[in-house]
Amino acid sequence: MAKYSDISPVTDYATQVLAVADAELRKLRHDPMELLSRAVQPALWLVLFGQVMAQVRGLSAGINYLDFLAPGILAQSVLFVAIFYGIAAIWERDLGVLHRYLVSPAPRTALVLGKALSSGARGLSQAVVVYGLAFVLGIQVSLEPRHVLGIIAFIALGSALFCTLSLIVACLVRTRERFMGIGQMLTMPIFFASNAIYPIRLMPLWLRAISRLNPLTYEVDGLRAFMLRNGVSTIGIGLDFLVLITTFTGFVAIAARLYPRMGE
């Protein structure tokens, strides 16, 4: 009996997280066109931007620039999907769905983690798109099982992190119009102040400092190490993962504290 009571709270908590995630993923199943529309952006970046910037010498630290760019575009796609996740929370408040969540016995962290988990699944759909484009363009991607598992881990964690950041912003601004403005204001600096499209060594010193504080930098570094056949981490896989998991944990704690305010 004691053994059951020790396990039951953990099982209940996991069930609550999965229930929220399942509710979010059902929206995606009912709107598969969203996945197709999300495929346009990485295609444009790889086919147009990548082909042009590949002509610039010294931009990719000695490897083919498309190889260098592909992990960055994958991280960018995940970021752009996750960072606007908070607008769905605002819609839920306006439609009354959020109130049902808040009156349920589920802990606020379970609600936040459920949404973060569903965002990670959406991020993995972007990986399928970018990998397909990479094969067409001849990018040297790795399909080793351990590398694929690493890619899944970094995409899921990165997507969950930026989804949680998005929920924090949604809790603070509470209106769709303000959220859209702040979301657009956040995405470009996060993307361009990272190593997604150029190495950190090419940045001015002040931008290098910002890049080191940017979670996307560590996500791209991990993806670049696992996605490419000869990929290497310039920061260290252990540090990449530690920064992402620490930042995510902090964001979950903040979001869980702010989330009830969305229902006011």
Foldseek 3Di string as FASTA:
>chain_A
DVVCVVCVVVVVLVVLLQVLLVVVVVVCVVPVVVLVVLLVVLLCCLPPVLVVCQPDPPFQPPDRLSLLQLLLSLLLSLLVQQLQLQLVVLVCLVVVNLVVVVPDPHALLSNLSSSLQNSLVSSVSSVVSSVVVCVVVVHAWDDPPVLVVLLSVLSSLSSSLSNLVNLLVCLVPSDNVVSVVVSVVPSVCLSVLAPNNGHLVPDDPVSNVVHVVRLSNLSSQSNQQRTHPNGDRPVDVVVNVVSSVVSSVVSSVSSSVSVVSSND
